[in-house]
């Protein structure tokens, strides 16, 4: 296998530093508000449908909540001419662009896609060094990195570019989180237990502020006191280990961490406090009303076990002496086909019996 082909499986190191913060923020937009929103919606909405009645109280229309919510959403980015347009329209999904911002730069770019009918969340990570040619007016090739778009042209332009890279995938809302949010969330839930595969020891006195990581091997509690060090760890000091599997293993470790955090966040005792932290600190164009409706819909079955993650397929390359992540178009299509695949419906022998066969049995 060539080095370029090997590289396409490697996640850019800088994309996952703020993974937990953005992931939790995006998912809690769907789930955390549900306690607050409960009192504002009647039991029909809670049960997954909206019902209209006439003056005499007769039902005149009943509509699935997911269908109703989609009617109230206007995507900020959408390509109706895309070859994937029909596939995108085949499922009732709301897609949120999630950004982890530090010093007005997007360290993390993700698209969170919530399937409102099948209660599934798919997270697509977009490496910050993803190559996107912005035109001849940009003299420095650094401007052709996707993370340069936000500071110069704003979140809407970035949403349009992400949508374009993903074959016109609709983007309905955005959410922007800062580094400090993850510490606040961990402060609420009190930490999670993680199995640390090796002694994470690293010091960088030149970092601002200086970085000192010292997390022993074995079962450890990751909380607000060490969570950023845990997420930032990549390599060890001389004589200490790094991830044997490189960034692939680091990604797997962080994804396991995020799922544990989500399970803690979704506990009734933590939910309101975590939702408050998220909604007070995360900038988003998602209204409280829509967030509450989405949260109520998520109560029908969304869980941390039904969250799936992907990374934009591509390969590492050097262009004009700068490192880039170059999108691999055919594999992006494969990824989208997987995300938007029709759910497999499990059937039992009894369920497959026809009405006539059932009548004979009786």
Protein backbone atom coordinates (compact mmCIF):
# COMPACT_ATOMS: atom_id res chain seq x y z
CA UNK A 1 0.00 0.00 0.00
CA UNK A 2 1.37 3.43 -0.92
CA UNK A 3 2.12 6.05 1.71
CA UNK A 4 -0.66 8.25 0.30
CA UNK A 5 -3.22 5.47 0.65
CA UNK A 6 -2.04 4.74 4.17
CA UNK A 7 -2.36 8.42 5.03
CA UNK A 8 -6.02 8.57 4.11
CA UNK A 9 -6.78 6.53 7.22
CA UNK A 10 -4.95 8.93 9.52
CA UNK A 11 -6.94 11.59 11.33
CA UNK A 12 -5.32 15.00 11.45
CA UNK A 13 -4.01 15.47 14.97
CA UNK A 14 -5.45 18.85 15.65
CA UNK A 15 -9.07 18.00 14.82
CA UNK A 16 -9.94 16.18 18.03
CA UNK A 17 -8.64 18.51 20.75
CA UNK A 18 -12.08 19.98 21.32
CA UNK A 19 -14.00 16.88 20.24
CA UNK A 20 -15.75 16.28 23.54
CA UNK A 21 -16.89 19.87 23.99
CA UNK A 22 -18.52 20.22 20.59
CA UNK A 23 -19.95 16.71 20.59
CA UNK A 24 -21.62 17.13 23.96
CA UNK A 25 -22.88 20.59 23.03
CA UNK A 26 -24.39 19.43 19.75
CA UNK A 27 -26.08 16.38 21.22
CA UNK A 28 -27.40 18.21 24.25
CA UNK A 29 -29.03 20.74 21.97
CA UNK A 30 -31.24 17.78 21.05
CA UNK A 31 -31.47 16.15 24.48
CA UNK A 32 -30.58 18.54 27.29
CA UNK A 33 -33.45 20.97 26.86
CA UNK A 34 -36.07 18.26 27.08
CA UNK A 35 -36.70 18.80 30.79
CA UNK A 36 -37.13 22.55 30.30
CA UNK A 37 -39.28 22.12 27.23
CA UNK A 38 -41.63 19.53 28.66
CA UNK A 39 -44.02 22.00 30.27
CA UNK A 40 -44.44 23.96 27.04
CA UNK A 41 -45.79 21.09 24.96
CA UNK A 42 -48.85 18.91 25.41
CA UNK A 43 -48.88 15.14 25.60
CA UNK A 44 -49.60 14.80 21.87
CA UNK A 45 -46.24 16.37 21.04
CA UNK A 46 -44.57 14.32 23.77
CA UNK A 47 -45.94 11.16 22.19
CA UNK A 48 -44.49 12.04 18.79
CA UNK A 49 -47.38 13.66 16.93
CA UNK A 50 -49.02 17.05 16.61
CA UNK A 51 -52.80 17.16 16.60
CA UNK A 52 -55.09 19.94 15.37
CA UNK A 53 -58.73 20.17 16.42
CA UNK A 54 -61.68 22.23 15.25
CA UNK A 55 -63.84 24.45 17.47
CA UNK A 56 -65.81 21.42 18.62
CA UNK A 57 -62.75 19.46 19.60
CA UNK A 58 -62.75 17.09 16.63
CA UNK A 59 -59.36 15.99 15.31
CA UNK A 60 -58.80 17.49 11.87
CA UNK A 61 -55.15 16.62 11.28
CA UNK A 62 -52.53 14.41 12.85
CA UNK A 63 -48.92 14.65 11.79
CA UNK A 64 -45.71 12.94 12.79
CA UNK A 65 -43.56 15.28 14.89
CA UNK A 66 -40.46 14.74 12.73
CA UNK A 67 -42.40 15.74 9.61
CA UNK A 68 -43.76 18.80 11.38
CA UNK A 69 -40.31 19.88 12.55
CA UNK A 70 -38.79 19.61 9.08
CA UNK A 71 -41.46 21.95 7.74
CA UNK A 72 -40.28 24.59 10.21
CA UNK A 73 -36.61 24.36 9.18
CA UNK A 74 -34.97 26.37 6.41
CA UNK A 75 -31.46 25.08 5.65
CA UNK A 76 -28.69 27.69 5.67
CA UNK A 77 -26.92 25.52 3.08
CA UNK A 78 -28.44 23.14 0.52
CA UNK A 79 -27.78 22.09 -3.08
CA UNK A 80 -30.96 20.96 -4.81
CA UNK A 81 -28.92 20.01 -7.89
CA UNK A 82 -26.78 17.51 -5.98
CA UNK A 83 -26.72 13.90 -7.13
CA UNK A 84 -27.45 13.04 -3.47
CA UNK A 85 -30.40 15.42 -3.14
CA UNK A 86 -33.07 12.70 -3.26
CA UNK A 87 -31.16 10.61 -0.74
CA UNK A 88 -30.83 13.59 1.60
CA UNK A 89 -34.59 14.14 1.34
CA UNK A 90 -35.37 10.47 2.00
CA UNK A 91 -34.79 10.74 5.75
CA UNK A 92 -36.12 13.13 8.35
CA UNK A 93 -32.83 14.54 9.62
CA UNK A 94 -31.72 17.81 11.14
CA UNK A 95 -28.05 18.63 10.53
CA UNK A 96 -26.06 20.96 12.78
CA UNK A 97 -22.62 22.37 11.99
CA UNK A 98 -20.61 22.20 15.22
CA UNK A 99 -17.49 24.31 15.66
CA UNK A 100 -14.85 24.29 18.36
CA UNK A 101 -13.31 27.76 18.28
CA UNK A 102 -10.06 28.98 19.83
CA UNK A 103 -8.70 32.50 19.16
CA UNK A 104 -11.31 32.92 16.40
CA UNK A 105 -9.99 29.84 14.58
CA UNK A 106 -11.97 26.64 14.10
CA UNK A 107 -9.87 23.94 15.77
CA UNK A 108 -12.72 21.46 15.33
CA UNK A 109 -15.35 21.24 12.58
CA UNK A 110 -18.07 18.62 12.78
CA UNK A 111 -21.46 17.99 11.27
CA UNK A 112 -23.95 16.38 13.67
CA UNK A 113 -26.82 14.69 11.82
CA UNK A 114 -29.85 13.63 13.92
CA UNK A 115 -32.22 11.12 12.33
CA UNK A 116 -35.47 12.09 14.03
CA UNK A 117 -37.38 8.96 13.01
CA UNK A 118 -34.77 6.29 13.64
CA UNK A 119 -33.23 7.99 16.71
CA UNK A 120 -29.67 7.99 15.44
CA UNK A 121 -26.92 10.61 15.50
CA UNK A 122 -24.07 10.58 12.97
CA UNK A 123 -21.05 12.82 13.53
CA UNK A 124 -18.84 13.68 10.54
CA UNK A 125 -15.49 15.22 11.50
CA UNK A 126 -13.96 17.64 8.99
CA UNK A 127 -10.17 17.94 9.55
CA UNK A 128 -9.16 21.58 10.04
CA UNK A 129 -6.48 21.24 7.34
CA UNK A 130 -8.99 20.08 4.71
CA UNK A 131 -8.09 21.56 1.32
CA UNK A 132 -10.68 23.86 -0.22
CA UNK A 133 -9.63 26.11 -3.08
CA UNK A 134 -11.09 29.56 -2.41
CA UNK A 135 -10.08 31.26 -5.65
CA UNK A 136 -7.18 33.15 -7.15
CA UNK A 137 -7.64 36.12 -4.82
CA UNK A 138 -6.07 34.27 -1.92
CA UNK A 139 -2.30 34.50 -2.36
CA UNK A 140 -1.25 32.36 0.59
CA UNK A 141 -2.04 28.66 0.37
CA UNK A 142 -2.82 28.75 4.08
CA UNK A 143 -6.07 30.49 3.08
CA UNK A 144 -7.10 27.31 1.27
CA UNK A 145 -7.33 25.41 4.56
CA UNK A 146 -10.97 25.08 5.60
CA UNK A 147 -10.27 26.42 9.09
CA UNK A 148 -9.32 29.80 7.58
CA UNK A 149 -12.86 30.43 6.33
CA UNK A 150 -14.62 31.14 9.64
CA UNK A 151 -12.46 34.05 10.81
CA UNK A 152 -12.59 35.77 7.40
CA UNK A 153 -16.10 35.04 6.13
CA UNK A 154 -18.12 33.74 9.05
CA UNK A 155 -20.10 30.66 10.00
CA UNK A 156 -22.64 30.79 7.14
CA UNK A 157 -19.89 30.70 4.51
CA UNK A 158 -18.23 27.83 6.34
CA UNK A 159 -21.56 25.97 6.40
CA UNK A 160 -21.88 26.45 2.65
CA UNK A 161 -18.38 25.05 2.08
CA UNK A 162 -18.94 22.03 4.35
CA UNK A 163 -22.22 21.35 2.56
CA UNK A 164 -20.46 21.57 -0.81
CA UNK A 165 -17.74 19.12 0.26
CA UNK A 166 -20.49 16.74 1.42
CA UNK A 167 -22.28 16.82 -1.95
CA UNK A 168 -24.84 19.43 -0.96
CA UNK A 169 -25.85 17.86 2.34
CA UNK A 170 -28.34 20.27 3.96
CA UNK A 171 -27.16 22.15 7.05
CA UNK A 172 -29.96 23.58 9.17
CA UNK A 173 -28.23 25.13 12.18
CA UNK A 174 -24.83 25.87 13.69
CA UNK A 175 -23.37 25.63 17.21
CA UNK A 176 -20.11 27.25 18.31
CA UNK A 177 -18.32 26.16 21.50
CA UNK A 178 -15.20 27.34 23.31
CA UNK A 179 -12.49 25.27 25.02
CA UNK A 180 -13.68 26.18 28.49
CA UNK A 181 -17.12 24.63 28.01
CA UNK A 182 -15.87 21.06 28.36
CA UNK A 183 -14.41 21.84 31.80
CA UNK A 184 -17.72 23.32 32.88
CA UNK A 185 -19.60 20.22 31.73
CA UNK A 186 -17.19 17.91 33.52
CA UNK A 187 -17.62 20.04 36.62
CA UNK A 188 -21.34 19.22 36.56
CA UNK A 189 -21.14 15.46 36.00
CA UNK A 190 -18.14 14.96 38.28
CA UNK A 191 -15.99 12.95 35.88
CA UNK A 192 -15.95 9.52 34.25
CA UNK A 193 -13.83 6.44 34.80
CA UNK A 194 -11.37 5.65 32.00
CA UNK A 195 -8.82 2.89 31.52
CA UNK A 196 -5.57 4.70 30.64
CA UNK A 197 -3.47 2.35 28.46
CA UNK A 198 -0.09 3.87 29.43
CA UNK A 199 1.39 6.65 31.54
CA UNK A 200 0.45 9.89 29.78
CA UNK A 201 3.41 12.11 30.60
CA UNK A 202 4.21 15.23 28.59
CA UNK A 203 5.51 18.72 29.33
CA UNK A 204 5.62 21.79 27.10
CA UNK A 205 6.77 24.87 29.05
CA UNK A 206 6.60 26.99 25.88
CA UNK A 207 2.83 26.50 25.52
CA UNK A 208 0.63 29.40 26.63
CA UNK A 209 -0.28 28.57 29.31
CA UNK A 210 2.45 25.94 29.93
CA UNK A 211 1.19 22.39 29.36
CA UNK A 212 1.89 19.66 31.91
CA UNK A 213 0.24 16.26 31.45
CA UNK A 214 0.70 13.54 34.06
CA UNK A 215 -2.01 10.85 34.02
CA UNK A 216 -0.86 7.45 35.36
CA UNK A 217 -1.59 4.15 33.64
CA UNK A 218 -4.62 2.19 34.82
CA UNK A 219 -8.15 3.10 35.92
CA UNK A 220 -8.39 6.86 36.41
CA UNK A 221 -11.13 9.44 36.87
CA UNK A 222 -11.14 12.08 34.13
CA UNK A 223 -12.81 15.23 35.44
CA UNK A 224 -12.55 19.01 35.20
CA UNK A 225 -9.04 18.94 36.70
CA UNK A 226 -7.45 16.83 33.97
CA UNK A 227 -9.88 16.57 31.05
CA UNK A 228 -8.11 19.04 28.76
CA UNK A 229 -4.78 17.35 29.40
CA UNK A 230 -6.37 13.97 28.60
CA UNK A 231 -7.85 15.28 25.35
CA UNK A 232 -4.70 17.14 24.29
CA UNK A 233 -2.27 14.26 24.85
CA UNK A 234 -0.60 13.02 21.66
CA UNK A 235 2.98 12.03 22.47
CA UNK A 236 5.01 11.44 25.60
CA UNK A 237 8.21 12.90 26.96
CA UNK A 238 11.45 11.11 26.17
CA UNK A 239 11.25 7.67 27.77
CA UNK A 240 7.44 7.71 27.95
CA UNK A 241 4.89 6.19 25.58
CA UNK A 242 2.52 7.73 23.12
CA UNK A 243 -0.43 6.03 21.47
CA UNK A 244 1.00 2.85 19.85
CA UNK A 245 -1.72 3.03 17.20
CA UNK A 246 -1.13 6.71 16.52
CA UNK A 247 -4.05 9.05 15.93
CA UNK A 248 -6.38 6.17 15.08
CA UNK A 249 -6.05 4.79 18.61
CA UNK A 250 -6.25 8.30 20.06
CA UNK A 251 -9.53 8.87 18.21
CA UNK A 252 -10.95 5.58 19.48
CA UNK A 253 -9.99 6.48 23.07
CA UNK A 254 -11.61 9.89 22.81
CA UNK A 255 -14.75 8.49 21.24
CA UNK A 256 -15.06 6.00 24.11
CA UNK A 257 -14.63 8.92 26.51
CA UNK A 258 -17.32 10.98 24.77
CA UNK A 259 -19.85 8.17 24.97
CA UNK A 260 -19.23 7.80 28.70
CA UNK A 261 -19.64 11.54 29.14
CA UNK A 262 -22.89 11.46 27.21
CA UNK A 263 -24.29 8.70 29.40
CA UNK A 264 -23.49 10.77 32.48
CA UNK A 265 -24.97 13.91 30.95
CA UNK A 266 -28.22 12.13 30.11
CA UNK A 267 -28.82 11.06 33.70
CA UNK A 268 -31.79 12.86 35.23
CA UNK A 269 -29.71 14.26 38.07
CA UNK A 270 -27.26 15.94 35.68
CA UNK A 271 -29.44 16.79 32.71
CA UNK A 272 -30.83 20.17 33.71
CA UNK A 273 -27.49 21.51 35.01
CA UNK A 274 -25.57 20.34 31.94
CA UNK A 275 -28.21 21.76 29.60
CA UNK A 276 -27.95 25.08 31.42
CA UNK A 277 -24.16 25.15 30.99
CA UNK A 278 -24.44 24.31 27.29
CA UNK A 279 -27.21 26.74 26.46
CA UNK A 280 -25.55 29.59 28.37
CA UNK A 281 -22.18 29.13 26.68
CA UNK A 282 -22.77 27.70 23.21
CA UNK A 283 -23.56 30.19 20.46
CA UNK A 284 -26.20 28.84 18.07
CA UNK A 285 -28.98 29.94 15.73
CA UNK A 286 -31.13 27.08 17.00
CA UNK A 287 -34.01 28.66 18.92
CA UNK A 288 -35.08 27.51 22.37
CA UNK A 289 -38.47 26.50 20.98
CA UNK A 290 -37.03 24.33 18.22
CA UNK A 291 -34.42 22.86 20.58
CA UNK A 292 -37.17 21.87 23.01
CA UNK A 293 -39.22 20.21 20.26
CA UNK A 294 -36.18 18.30 19.02
CA UNK A 295 -35.40 17.27 22.58
CA UNK A 296 -38.91 15.97 23.11
CA UNK A 297 -38.61 13.98 19.91
CA UNK A 298 -35.27 12.58 21.14
CA UNK A 299 -36.97 11.30 24.28
CA UNK A 300 -38.55 8.58 22.16
CA UNK A 301 -35.31 6.64 22.03
CA UNK A 302 -32.11 8.60 21.38
CA UNK A 303 -29.24 7.30 23.51
CA UNK A 304 -25.47 7.49 23.64
CA UNK A 305 -25.36 3.94 22.26
CA UNK A 306 -26.90 5.11 19.00
CA UNK A 307 -24.21 7.66 18.12
CA UNK A 308 -21.89 6.94 15.21
CA UNK A 309 -18.77 8.85 14.13
CA UNK A 310 -16.98 9.32 10.83
CA UNK A 311 -14.07 11.36 9.53
CA UNK A 312 -14.08 13.02 6.12
CA UNK A 313 -12.25 10.51 3.88
CA UNK A 314 -9.05 11.87 2.41
CA UNK A 315 -5.28 11.69 2.41
CA UNK A 316 -2.47 13.82 3.79
CA UNK A 317 -0.44 15.77 1.26
CA UNK A 318 2.03 18.64 1.11
CA UNK A 319 1.00 21.58 -1.10
CA UNK A 320 3.27 24.61 -1.37
CA UNK A 321 5.18 23.30 1.67
CA UNK A 322 2.01 23.21 3.77
CA UNK A 323 0.26 20.10 5.09
CA UNK A 324 -3.28 19.51 3.85
CA UNK A 325 -6.00 16.91 4.14
CA UNK A 326 -7.23 16.35 0.58
CA UNK A 327 -10.82 15.03 0.35
CA UNK A 328 -11.23 11.68 -1.37
CA UNK A 329 -14.45 12.17 -3.36
CA UNK A 330 -15.36 8.57 -4.11
CA UNK A 331 -14.98 7.59 -0.45
CA UNK A 332 -17.05 10.62 0.64
CA UNK A 333 -19.84 9.22 -1.51
CA UNK A 334 -19.45 5.83 0.17
CA UNK A 335 -19.61 7.48 3.59
CA UNK A 336 -22.78 9.41 2.71
CA UNK A 337 -24.38 6.24 1.38
CA UNK A 338 -23.62 4.59 4.71
CA UNK A 339 -24.94 7.48 6.80
CA UNK A 340 -28.13 7.71 4.76
CA UNK A 341 -28.62 3.96 4.34
CA UNK A 342 -32.13 2.72 4.94
CA UNK A 343 -32.35 1.26 8.47
CA UNK A 344 -32.44 -2.52 8.68
CA UNK A 345 -35.75 -3.68 10.07
CA UNK A 346 -35.40 -6.85 12.09
CA UNK A 347 -38.30 -9.22 11.69
CA UNK A 348 -39.19 -12.39 13.54
CA UNK A 349 -40.86 -15.48 12.18
CA UNK A 350 -44.10 -14.53 13.88
CA UNK A 351 -43.98 -11.00 12.46
CA UNK A 352 -43.63 -12.39 8.97
CA UNK A 353 -46.85 -14.38 9.18
CA UNK A 354 -49.48 -13.00 6.83
CA UNK A 355 -53.00 -12.16 7.93
CA UNK A 356 -54.42 -15.20 6.17
CA UNK A 357 -51.87 -17.51 7.79
CA UNK A 358 -52.69 -16.05 11.18
CA UNK A 359 -56.37 -16.65 10.56
CA UNK A 360 -55.68 -20.31 9.69
CA UNK A 361 -53.71 -20.70 12.93
CA UNK A 362 -56.64 -19.39 14.91
